[in-house]
């Protein structure tokens, strides 16, 4: 899989996690959390700039945290990854 596709897939997985948490569907959120963590590990095989590495680190932290209001943060990271794929990887 190419890097852009992995980043776009990660963005969608994060969006699904956020939606699941917001709806109270923790089984859905957990399923897509596992998918997002897999995508992050796939990205570690690529040469990444510091911005993307920092986003991955912060995303992993929020995914593994137990904060009640993390759905909004996860949605924000989803959008940041989506924008990165659209703007920086043409």
PDB file of N, CA and C in Angstrom:
ATOM      1  N   UNK A   1       0.845  -1.176   0.000  1.00  0.00           N
ATOM      2  CA  UNK A   1       0.000   0.000   0.000  1.00  0.00           C
ATOM      3  C   UNK A   1       0.894   1.244   0.000  1.00  0.00           C
ATOM      4  N   UNK A   2       0.509   2.256  -0.757  1.00  0.00           N
ATOM      5  CA  UNK A   2       1.346   3.453  -0.746  1.00  0.00           C
ATOM      6  C   UNK A   2       1.017   4.336   0.460  1.00  0.00           C
ATOM      7  N   UNK A   3       1.929   5.241   0.745  1.00  0.00           N
ATOM      8  CA  UNK A   3       1.841   6.052   1.956  1.00  0.00           C
ATOM      9  C   UNK A   3       0.570   6.907   1.998  1.00  0.00           C
ATOM     10  N   UNK A   4       0.201   7.503   0.886  1.00  0.00           N
ATOM     11  CA  UNK A   4      -0.992   8.353   0.859  1.00  0.00           C
ATOM     12  C   UNK A   4      -2.237   7.544   1.208  1.00  0.00           C
ATOM     13  N   UNK A   5      -2.347   6.355   0.660  1.00  0.00           N
ATOM     14  CA  UNK A   5      -3.507   5.503   0.930  1.00  0.00           C
ATOM     15  C   UNK A   5      -3.565   5.096   2.405  1.00  0.00           C
ATOM     16  N   UNK A   6      -2.414   4.810   2.986  1.00  0.00           N
ATOM     17  CA  UNK A   6      -2.375   4.439   4.408  1.00  0.00           C
ATOM     18  C   UNK A   6      -2.825   5.617   5.272  1.00  0.00           C
ATOM     19  N   UNK A   7      -2.362   6.829   4.936  1.00  0.00           N
ATOM     20  CA  UNK A   7      -2.751   8.023   5.705  1.00  0.00           C
ATOM     21  C   UNK A   7      -4.246   8.286   5.562  1.00  0.00           C
ATOM     22  N   UNK A   8      -4.777   8.156   4.347  1.00  0.00           N
ATOM     23  CA  UNK A   8      -6.214   8.354   4.147  1.00  0.00           C
ATOM     24  C   UNK A   8      -7.030   7.303   4.897  1.00  0.00           C
ATOM     25  N   UNK A   9      -6.555   6.068   4.904  1.00  0.00           N
ATOM     26  CA  UNK A   9      -7.247   4.999   5.639  1.00  0.00           C
ATOM     27  C   UNK A   9      -7.210   5.268   7.134  1.00  0.00           C
ATOM     28  N   UNK A  10      -6.073   5.750   7.624  1.00  0.00           N
ATOM     29  CA  UNK A  10      -5.960   6.106   9.037  1.00  0.00           C
ATOM     30  C   UNK A  10      -6.952   7.204   9.391  1.00  0.00           C
ATOM     31  N   UNK A  11      -7.070   8.207   8.525  1.00  0.00           N
ATOM     32  CA  UNK A  11      -8.012   9.300   8.771  1.00  0.00           C
ATOM     33  C   UNK A  11      -9.442   8.763   8.882  1.00  0.00           C
ATOM     34  N   UNK A  12      -9.819   7.859   7.999  1.00  0.00           N
ATOM     35  CA  UNK A  12     -11.178   7.289   8.052  1.00  0.00           C
ATOM     36  C   UNK A  12     -11.382   6.434   9.301  1.00  0.00           C
ATOM     37  N   UNK A  13     -10.369   5.646   9.667  1.00  0.00           N
ATOM     38  CA  UNK A  13     -10.485   4.836  10.889  1.00  0.00           C
ATOM     39  C   UNK A  13     -10.648   5.726  12.111  1.00  0.00           C
ATOM     40  N   UNK A  14      -9.892   6.813  12.164  1.00  0.00           N
ATOM     41  CA  UNK A  14     -10.007   7.736  13.299  1.00  0.00           C
ATOM     42  C   UNK A  14     -11.382   8.385  13.338  1.00  0.00           C
ATOM     43  N   UNK A  15     -11.907   8.721  12.167  1.00  0.00           N
ATOM     44  CA  UNK A  15     -13.246   9.316  12.122  1.00  0.00           C
ATOM     45  C   UNK A  15     -14.289   8.331  12.654  1.00  0.00           C
ATOM     46  N   UNK A  16     -14.135   7.072  12.306  1.00  0.00           N
ATOM     47  CA  UNK A  16     -15.075   6.049  12.795  1.00  0.00           C
ATOM     48  C   UNK A  16     -14.947   5.838  14.300  1.00  0.00           C
ATOM     49  N   UNK A  17     -13.723   5.921  14.812  1.00  0.00           N
ATOM     50  CA  UNK A  17     -13.529   5.829  16.267  1.00  0.00           C
ATOM     51  C   UNK A  17     -14.271   6.973  16.955  1.00  0.00           C
ATOM     52  N   UNK A  18     -14.087   8.190  16.432  1.00  0.00           N
ATOM     53  CA  UNK A  18     -14.726   9.366  17.024  1.00  0.00           C
ATOM     54  C   UNK A  18     -16.247   9.238  16.983  1.00  0.00           C
ATOM     55  N   UNK A  19     -16.777   8.786  15.854  1.00  0.00           N
ATOM     56  CA  UNK A  19     -18.232   8.609  15.746  1.00  0.00           C
ATOM     57  C   UNK A  19     -18.740   7.547  16.717  1.00  0.00           C
ATOM     58  N   UNK A  20     -18.001   6.455  16.823  1.00  0.00           N
ATOM     59  CA  UNK A  20     -18.398   5.402  17.754  1.00  0.00           C
ATOM     60  C   UNK A  20     -18.419   5.887  19.189  1.00  0.00           C
ATOM     61  N   UNK A  21     -17.383   6.637  19.574  1.00  0.00           N
ATOM     62  CA  UNK A  21     -17.339   7.173  20.941  1.00  0.00           C
ATOM     63  C   UNK A  21     -18.473   8.166  21.174  1.00  0.00           C
ATOM     64  N   UNK A  22     -18.715   9.014  20.191  1.00  0.00           N
ATOM     65  CA  UNK A  22     -19.766  10.023  20.326  1.00  0.00           C
ATOM     66  C   UNK A  22     -21.146   9.381  20.470  1.00  0.00           C
ATOM     67  N   UNK A  23     -21.374   8.301  19.743  1.00  0.00           N
ATOM     68  CA  UNK A  23     -22.669   7.599  19.788  1.00  0.00           C
ATOM     69  C   UNK A  23     -22.798   6.679  20.992  1.00  0.00           C
ATOM     70  N   UNK A  24     -21.685   6.437  21.670  1.00  0.00           N
ATOM     71  CA  UNK A  24     -21.718   5.503  22.791  1.00  0.00           C
ATOM     72  C   UNK A  24     -21.557   4.061  22.364  1.00  0.00           C
ATOM     73  N   UNK A  25     -21.156   3.831  21.123  1.00  0.00           N
ATOM     74  CA  UNK A  25     -20.924   2.489  20.616  1.00  0.00           C
ATOM     75  C   UNK A  25     -19.456   2.125  20.818  1.00  0.00           C
ATOM     76  N   UNK A  26     -19.152   1.655  22.015  1.00  0.00           N
ATOM     77  CA  UNK A  26     -17.764   1.388  22.365  1.00  0.00           C
ATOM     78  C   UNK A  26     -17.192   0.191  21.614  1.00  0.00           C
ATOM     79  N   UNK A  27     -18.018  -0.767  21.237  1.00  0.00           N
ATOM     80  CA  UNK A  27     -17.502  -1.900  20.460  1.00  0.00           C
ATOM     81  C   UNK A  27     -17.055  -1.429  19.077  1.00  0.00           C
ATOM     82  N   UNK A  28     -17.826  -0.543  18.456  1.00  0.00           N
ATOM     83  CA  UNK A  28     -17.428   0.019  17.156  1.00  0.00           C
ATOM     84  C   UNK A  28     -16.147   0.830  17.306  1.00  0.00           C
ATOM     85  N   UNK A  29     -16.085   1.657  18.331  1.00  0.00           N
ATOM     86  CA  UNK A  29     -14.908   2.497  18.560  1.00  0.00           C
ATOM     87  C   UNK A  29     -13.668   1.637  18.786  1.00  0.00           C
ATOM     88  N   UNK A  30     -13.807   0.582  19.555  1.00  0.00           N
ATOM     89  CA  UNK A  30     -12.660  -0.290  19.823  1.00  0.00           C
ATOM     90  C   UNK A  30     -12.195  -1.016  18.567  1.00  0.00           C
ATOM     91  N   UNK A  31     -13.131  -1.444  17.748  1.00  0.00           N
ATOM     92  CA  UNK A  31     -12.769  -2.133  16.503  1.00  0.00           C
ATOM     93  C   UNK A  31     -11.951  -1.222  15.596  1.00  0.00           C
ATOM     94  N   UNK A  32     -12.410  -0.004  15.403  1.00  0.00           N
ATOM     95  CA  UNK A  32     -11.699   0.910  14.520  1.00  0.00           C
ATOM     96  C   UNK A  32     -10.450   1.492  15.178  1.00  0.00           C
ATOM     97  N   UNK A  33     -10.411   1.493  16.503  1.00  0.00           N
ATOM     98  CA  UNK A  33      -9.185   1.887  17.204  1.00  0.00           C
ATOM     99  C   UNK A  33      -8.070   0.903  16.874  1.00  0.00           C
ATOM    100  N   UNK A  34      -8.402  -0.381  16.876  1.00  0.00           N
ATOM    101  CA  UNK A  34      -7.410  -1.406  16.522  1.00  0.00           C
ATOM    102  C   UNK A  34      -6.946  -1.243  15.080  1.00  0.00           C
ATOM    103  N   UNK A  35      -7.871  -0.931  14.185  1.00  0.00           N
ATOM    104  CA  UNK A  35      -7.511  -0.691  12.781  1.00  0.00           C
ATOM    105  C   UNK A  35      -6.596   0.526  12.661  1.00  0.00           C
ATOM    106  N   UNK A  36      -6.907   1.584  13.391  1.00  0.00           N
ATOM    107  CA  UNK A  36      -6.087   2.798  13.348  1.00  0.00           C
ATOM    108  C   UNK A  36      -4.682   2.515  13.871  1.00  0.00           C
ATOM    109  N   UNK A  37      -4.575   1.738  14.923  1.00  0.00           N
ATOM    110  CA  UNK A  37      -3.261   1.398  15.462  1.00  0.00           C
ATOM    111  C   UNK A  37      -2.461   0.556  14.470  1.00  0.00           C
ATOM    112  N   UNK A  38      -3.147  -0.308  13.715  1.00  0.00           N
ATOM    113  CA  UNK A  38      -2.471  -1.082  12.666  1.00  0.00           C
ATOM    114  C   UNK A  38      -1.945  -0.162  11.575  1.00  0.00           C
ATOM    115  N   UNK A  39      -2.766   0.812  11.180  1.00  0.00           N
ATOM    116  CA  UNK A  39      -2.341   1.774  10.148  1.00  0.00           C
ATOM    117  C   UNK A  39      -1.126   2.561  10.617  1.00  0.00           C
ATOM    118  N   UNK A  40      -1.132   2.952  11.893  1.00  0.00           N
ATOM    119  CA  UNK A  40       0.011   3.691  12.427  1.00  0.00           C
ATOM    120  C   UNK A  40       1.282   2.854  12.355  1.00  0.00           C
ATOM    121  N   UNK A  41       1.171   1.578  12.669  1.00  0.00           N
ATOM    122  CA  UNK A  41       2.364   0.730  12.607  1.00  0.00           C
ATOM    123  C   UNK A  41       2.817   0.544  11.156  1.00  0.00           C
ATOM    124  N   UNK A  42       1.885   0.532  10.200  1.00  0.00           N
ATOM    125  CA  UNK A  42       2.258   0.475   8.784  1.00  0.00           C
ATOM    126  C   UNK A  42       3.041   1.719   8.382  1.00  0.00           C
ATOM    127  N   UNK A  43       2.627   2.875   8.885  1.00  0.00           N
ATOM    128  CA  UNK A  43       3.289   4.130   8.531  1.00  0.00           C
ATOM    129  C   UNK A  43       4.709   4.206   9.082  1.00  0.00           C
ATOM    130  N   UNK A  44       4.987   3.479  10.142  1.00  0.00           N
ATOM    131  CA  UNK A  44       6.328   3.502  10.714  1.00  0.00           C
ATOM    132  C   UNK A  44       7.362   2.924   9.753  1.00  0.00           C
ATOM    133  N   UNK A  45       6.924   2.178   8.740  1.00  0.00           N
ATOM    134  CA  UNK A  45       7.834   1.611   7.743  1.00  0.00           C
ATOM    135  C   UNK A  45       8.253   2.630   6.687  1.00  0.00           C
ATOM    136  N   UNK A  46       7.610   3.782   6.672  1.00  0.00           N
ATOM    137  CA  UNK A  46       7.896   4.815   5.675  1.00  0.00           C
ATOM    138  C   UNK A  46       8.785   5.899   6.264  1.00  0.00           C
ATOM    139  N   UNK A  47       9.451   6.617   5.356  1.00  0.00           N
ATOM    140  CA  UNK A  47      10.219   7.799   5.741  1.00  0.00           C
ATOM    141  C   UNK A  47       9.213   8.929   5.977  1.00  0.00           C
ATOM    142  N   UNK A  48       9.124   9.433   7.200  1.00  0.00           N
ATOM    143  CA  UNK A  48       8.118  10.431   7.556  1.00  0.00           C
ATOM    144  C   UNK A  48       8.782  11.727   7.986  1.00  0.00           C
ATOM    145  N   UNK A  49       8.138  12.838   7.659  1.00  0.00           N
ATOM    146  CA  UNK A  49       8.659  14.112   8.147  1.00  0.00           C
ATOM    147  C   UNK A  49       8.269  14.297   9.618  1.00  0.00           C
ATOM    148  N   UNK A  50       8.857  15.299  10.253  1.00  0.00           N
ATOM    149  CA  UNK A  50       8.660  15.481  11.694  1.00  0.00           C
ATOM    150  C   UNK A  50       7.206  15.811  12.041  1.00  0.00           C
ATOM    151  N   UNK A  51       6.507  16.550  11.168  1.00  0.00           N
ATOM    152  CA  UNK A  51       5.096  16.888  11.421  1.00  0.00           C
ATOM    153  C   UNK A  51       4.254  15.618  11.512  1.00  0.00           C
ATOM    154  N   UNK A  52       4.444  14.735  10.553  1.00  0.00           N
ATOM    155  CA  UNK A  52       3.656  13.503  10.527  1.00  0.00           C
ATOM    156  C   UNK A  52       4.017  12.589  11.699  1.00  0.00           C
ATOM    157  N   UNK A  53       5.296  12.505  12.022  1.00  0.00           N
ATOM    158  CA  UNK A  53       5.714  11.704  13.187  1.00  0.00           C
ATOM    159  C   UNK A  53       5.069  12.228  14.472  1.00  0.00           C
ATOM    160  N   UNK A  54       5.040  13.548  14.620  1.00  0.00           N
ATOM    161  CA  UNK A  54       4.437  14.161  15.802  1.00  0.00           C
ATOM    162  C   UNK A  54       2.936  13.867  15.854  1.00  0.00           C
ATOM    163  N   UNK A  55       2.257  13.964  14.714  1.00  0.00           N
ATOM    164  CA  UNK A  55       0.826  13.636  14.663  1.00  0.00           C
ATOM    165  C   UNK A  55       0.577  12.189  15.068  1.00  0.00           C
ATOM    166  N   UNK A  56       1.395  11.281  14.566  1.00  0.00           N
ATOM    167  CA  UNK A  56       1.240   9.863  14.905  1.00  0.00           C
ATOM    168  C   UNK A  56       1.425   9.630  16.400  1.00  0.00           C
ATOM    169  N   UNK A  57       2.418  10.276  16.976  1.00  0.00           N
ATOM    170  CA  UNK A  57       2.677  10.114  18.410  1.00  0.00           C
ATOM    171  C   UNK A  57       1.490  10.596  19.234  1.00  0.00           C
ATOM    172  N   UNK A  58       0.990  11.783  18.905  1.00  0.00           N
ATOM    173  CA  UNK A  58      -0.131  12.346  19.663  1.00  0.00           C
ATOM    174  C   UNK A  58      -1.417  11.552  19.442  1.00  0.00           C
ATOM    175  N   UNK A  59      -1.597  11.044  18.231  1.00  0.00           N
ATOM    176  CA  UNK A  59      -2.782  10.241  17.938  1.00  0.00           C
ATOM    177  C   UNK A  59      -2.774   8.954  18.752  1.00  0.00           C
ATOM    178  N   UNK A  60      -1.622   8.305  18.810  1.00  0.00           N
ATOM    179  CA  UNK A  60      -1.519   7.068  19.582  1.00  0.00           C
ATOM    180  C   UNK A  60      -1.811   7.329  21.054  1.00  0.00           C
ATOM    181  N   UNK A  61      -1.299   8.451  21.581  1.00  0.00           N
ATOM    182  CA  UNK A  61      -1.541   8.802  22.984  1.00  0.00           C
ATOM    183  C   UNK A  61      -3.029   8.969  23.258  1.00  0.00           C
ATOM    184  N   UNK A  62      -3.723   9.676  22.385  1.00  0.00           N
ATOM    185  CA  UNK A  62      -5.151   9.928  22.624  1.00  0.00           C
ATOM    186  C   UNK A  62      -5.977   8.660  22.421  1.00  0.00           C
ATOM    187  N   UNK A  63      -5.573   7.815  21.473  1.00  0.00           N
ATOM    188  CA  UNK A  63      -6.298   6.557  21.271  1.00  0.00           C
ATOM    189  C   UNK A  63      -6.184   5.648  22.489  1.00  0.00           C
ATOM    190  N   UNK A  64      -5.042   5.657  23.132  1.00  0.00           N
ATOM    191  CA  UNK A  64      -4.817   4.774  24.275  1.00  0.00           C
ATOM    192  C   UNK A  64      -5.251   5.382  25.601  1.00  0.00           C
ATOM    193  N   UNK A  65      -5.630   6.663  25.593  1.00  0.00           N
ATOM    194  CA  UNK A  65      -6.052   7.311  26.837  1.00  0.00           C
ATOM    195  C   UNK A  65      -7.494   6.921  27.180  1.00  0.00           C
ATOM    196  N   UNK A  66      -7.881   7.245  28.377  1.00  0.00           N
ATOM    197  CA  UNK A  66      -9.241   6.932  28.840  1.00  0.00           C
ATOM    198  C   UNK A  66     -10.063   8.195  29.084  1.00  0.00           C
ATOM    199  N   UNK A  67      -9.614   9.321  28.512  1.00  0.00           N
ATOM    200  CA  UNK A  67     -10.339  10.584  28.707  1.00  0.00           C
ATOM    201  C   UNK A  67     -11.770  10.466  28.188  1.00  0.00           C
ATOM    202  N   UNK A  68     -12.690  11.097  28.889  1.00  0.00           N
ATOM    203  CA  UNK A  68     -14.097  11.049  28.489  1.00  0.00           C
ATOM    204  C   UNK A  68     -14.370  11.825  27.206  1.00  0.00           C
ATOM    205  N   UNK A  69     -13.687  12.936  27.028  1.00  0.00           N
ATOM    206  CA  UNK A  69     -13.971  13.807  25.888  1.00  0.00           C
ATOM    207  C   UNK A  69     -12.973  13.631  24.745  1.00  0.00           C
ATOM    208  N   UNK A  70     -12.459  12.433  24.565  1.00  0.00           N
ATOM    209  CA  UNK A  70     -11.439  12.231  23.539  1.00  0.00           C
ATOM    210  C   UNK A  70     -11.992  12.111  22.131  1.00  0.00           C
ATOM    211  N   UNK A  71     -13.288  11.963  21.975  1.00  0.00           N
ATOM    212  CA  UNK A  71     -13.873  11.846  20.631  1.00  0.00           C
ATOM    213  C   UNK A  71     -13.560  13.079  19.792  1.00  0.00           C
ATOM    214  N   UNK A  72     -13.635  14.254  20.400  1.00  0.00           N
ATOM    215  CA  UNK A  72     -13.356  15.490  19.668  1.00  0.00           C
ATOM    216  C   UNK A  72     -11.894  15.560  19.238  1.00  0.00           C
ATOM    217  N   UNK A  73     -10.996  15.139  20.128  1.00  0.00           N
ATOM    218  CA  UNK A  73      -9.567  15.143  19.792  1.00  0.00           C
ATOM    219  C   UNK A  73      -9.271  14.165  18.662  1.00  0.00           C
ATOM    220  N   UNK A  74      -9.873  12.995  18.719  1.00  0.00           N
ATOM    221  CA  UNK A  74      -9.657  11.988  17.682  1.00  0.00           C
ATOM    222  C   UNK A  74     -10.194  12.483  16.343  1.00  0.00           C
ATOM    223  N   UNK A  75     -11.340  13.134  16.359  1.00  0.00           N
ATOM    224  CA  UNK A  75     -11.890  13.704  15.129  1.00  0.00           C
ATOM    225  C   UNK A  75     -10.951  14.777  14.562  1.00  0.00           C
ATOM    226  N   UNK A  76     -10.378  15.602  15.433  1.00  0.00           N
ATOM    227  CA  UNK A  76      -9.436  16.622  14.979  1.00  0.00           C
ATOM    228  C   UNK A  76      -8.231  15.982  14.290  1.00  0.00           C
ATOM    229  N   UNK A  77      -7.668  14.927  14.885  1.00  0.00           N
ATOM    230  CA  UNK A  77      -6.525  14.258  14.263  1.00  0.00           C
ATOM    231  C   UNK A  77      -6.918  13.612  12.942  1.00  0.00           C
ATOM    232  N   UNK A  78      -8.124  13.100  12.869  1.00  0.00           N
ATOM    233  CA  UNK A  78      -8.614  12.547  11.607  1.00  0.00           C
ATOM    234  C   UNK A  78      -8.566  13.593  10.504  1.00  0.00           C
ATOM    235  N   UNK A  79      -9.041  14.782  10.815  1.00  0.00           N
ATOM    236  CA  UNK A  79      -9.061  15.875   9.840  1.00  0.00           C
ATOM    237  C   UNK A  79      -7.647  16.315   9.486  1.00  0.00           C
ATOM    238  N   UNK A  80      -6.751  16.356  10.469  1.00  0.00           N
ATOM    239  CA  UNK A  80      -5.366  16.741  10.196  1.00  0.00           C
ATOM    240  C   UNK A  80      -4.687  15.746   9.249  1.00  0.00           C
ATOM    241  N   UNK A  81      -4.913  14.453   9.464  1.00  0.00           N
ATOM    242  CA  UNK A  81      -4.346  13.453   8.556  1.00  0.00           C
ATOM    243  C   UNK A  81      -4.956  13.557   7.159  1.00  0.00           C
ATOM    244  N   UNK A  82      -6.251  13.774   7.108  1.00  0.00           N
ATOM    245  CA  UNK A  82      -6.931  13.910   5.819  1.00  0.00           C
ATOM    246  C   UNK A  82      -6.374  15.114   5.053  1.00  0.00           C
ATOM    247  N   UNK A  83      -6.227  16.240   5.739  1.00  0.00           N
ATOM    248  CA  UNK A  83      -5.679  17.439   5.098  1.00  0.00           C
ATOM    249  C   UNK A  83      -4.247  17.220   4.650  1.00  0.00           C
ATOM    250  N   UNK A  84      -3.462  16.532   5.461  1.00  0.00           N
ATOM    251  CA  UNK A  84      -2.073  16.257   5.084  1.00  0.00           C
ATOM    252  C   UNK A  84      -2.029  15.442   3.794  1.00  0.00           C
ATOM    253  N   UNK A  85      -2.852  14.419   3.704  1.00  0.00           N
ATOM    254  CA  UNK A  85      -2.872  13.577   2.509  1.00  0.00           C
ATOM    255  C   UNK A  85      -3.308  14.369   1.280  1.00  0.00           C
ATOM    256  N   UNK A  86      -4.281  15.251   1.456  1.00  0.00           N
ATOM    257  CA  UNK A  86      -4.783  16.028   0.328  1.00  0.00           C
ATOM    258  C   UNK A  86      -3.807  17.108  -0.126  1.00  0.00           C
ATOM    259  N   UNK A  87      -3.179  17.791   0.813  1.00  0.00           N
ATOM    260  CA  UNK A  87      -2.353  18.955   0.473  1.00  0.00           C
ATOM    261  C   UNK A  87      -0.899  18.605   0.192  1.00  0.00           C
ATOM    262  N   UNK A  88      -0.342  17.703   0.965  1.00  0.00           N
ATOM    263  CA  UNK A  88       1.099  17.450   0.878  1.00  0.00           C
ATOM    264  C   UNK A  88       1.472  16.270  -0.014  1.00  0.00           C
ATOM    265  N   UNK A  89       0.523  15.421  -0.344  1.00  0.00           N
ATOM    266  CA  UNK A  89       0.866  14.193  -1.066  1.00  0.00           C
ATOM    267  C   UNK A  89       0.111  14.119  -2.384  1.00  0.00           C
ATOM    268  N   UNK A  90       0.471  14.955  -3.314  1.00  0.00           N
ATOM    269  CA  UNK A  90      -0.253  14.998  -4.589  1.00  0.00           C
ATOM    270  C   UNK A  90       0.308  14.106  -5.626  1.00  0.00           C
TER     271      UNK A  90
END
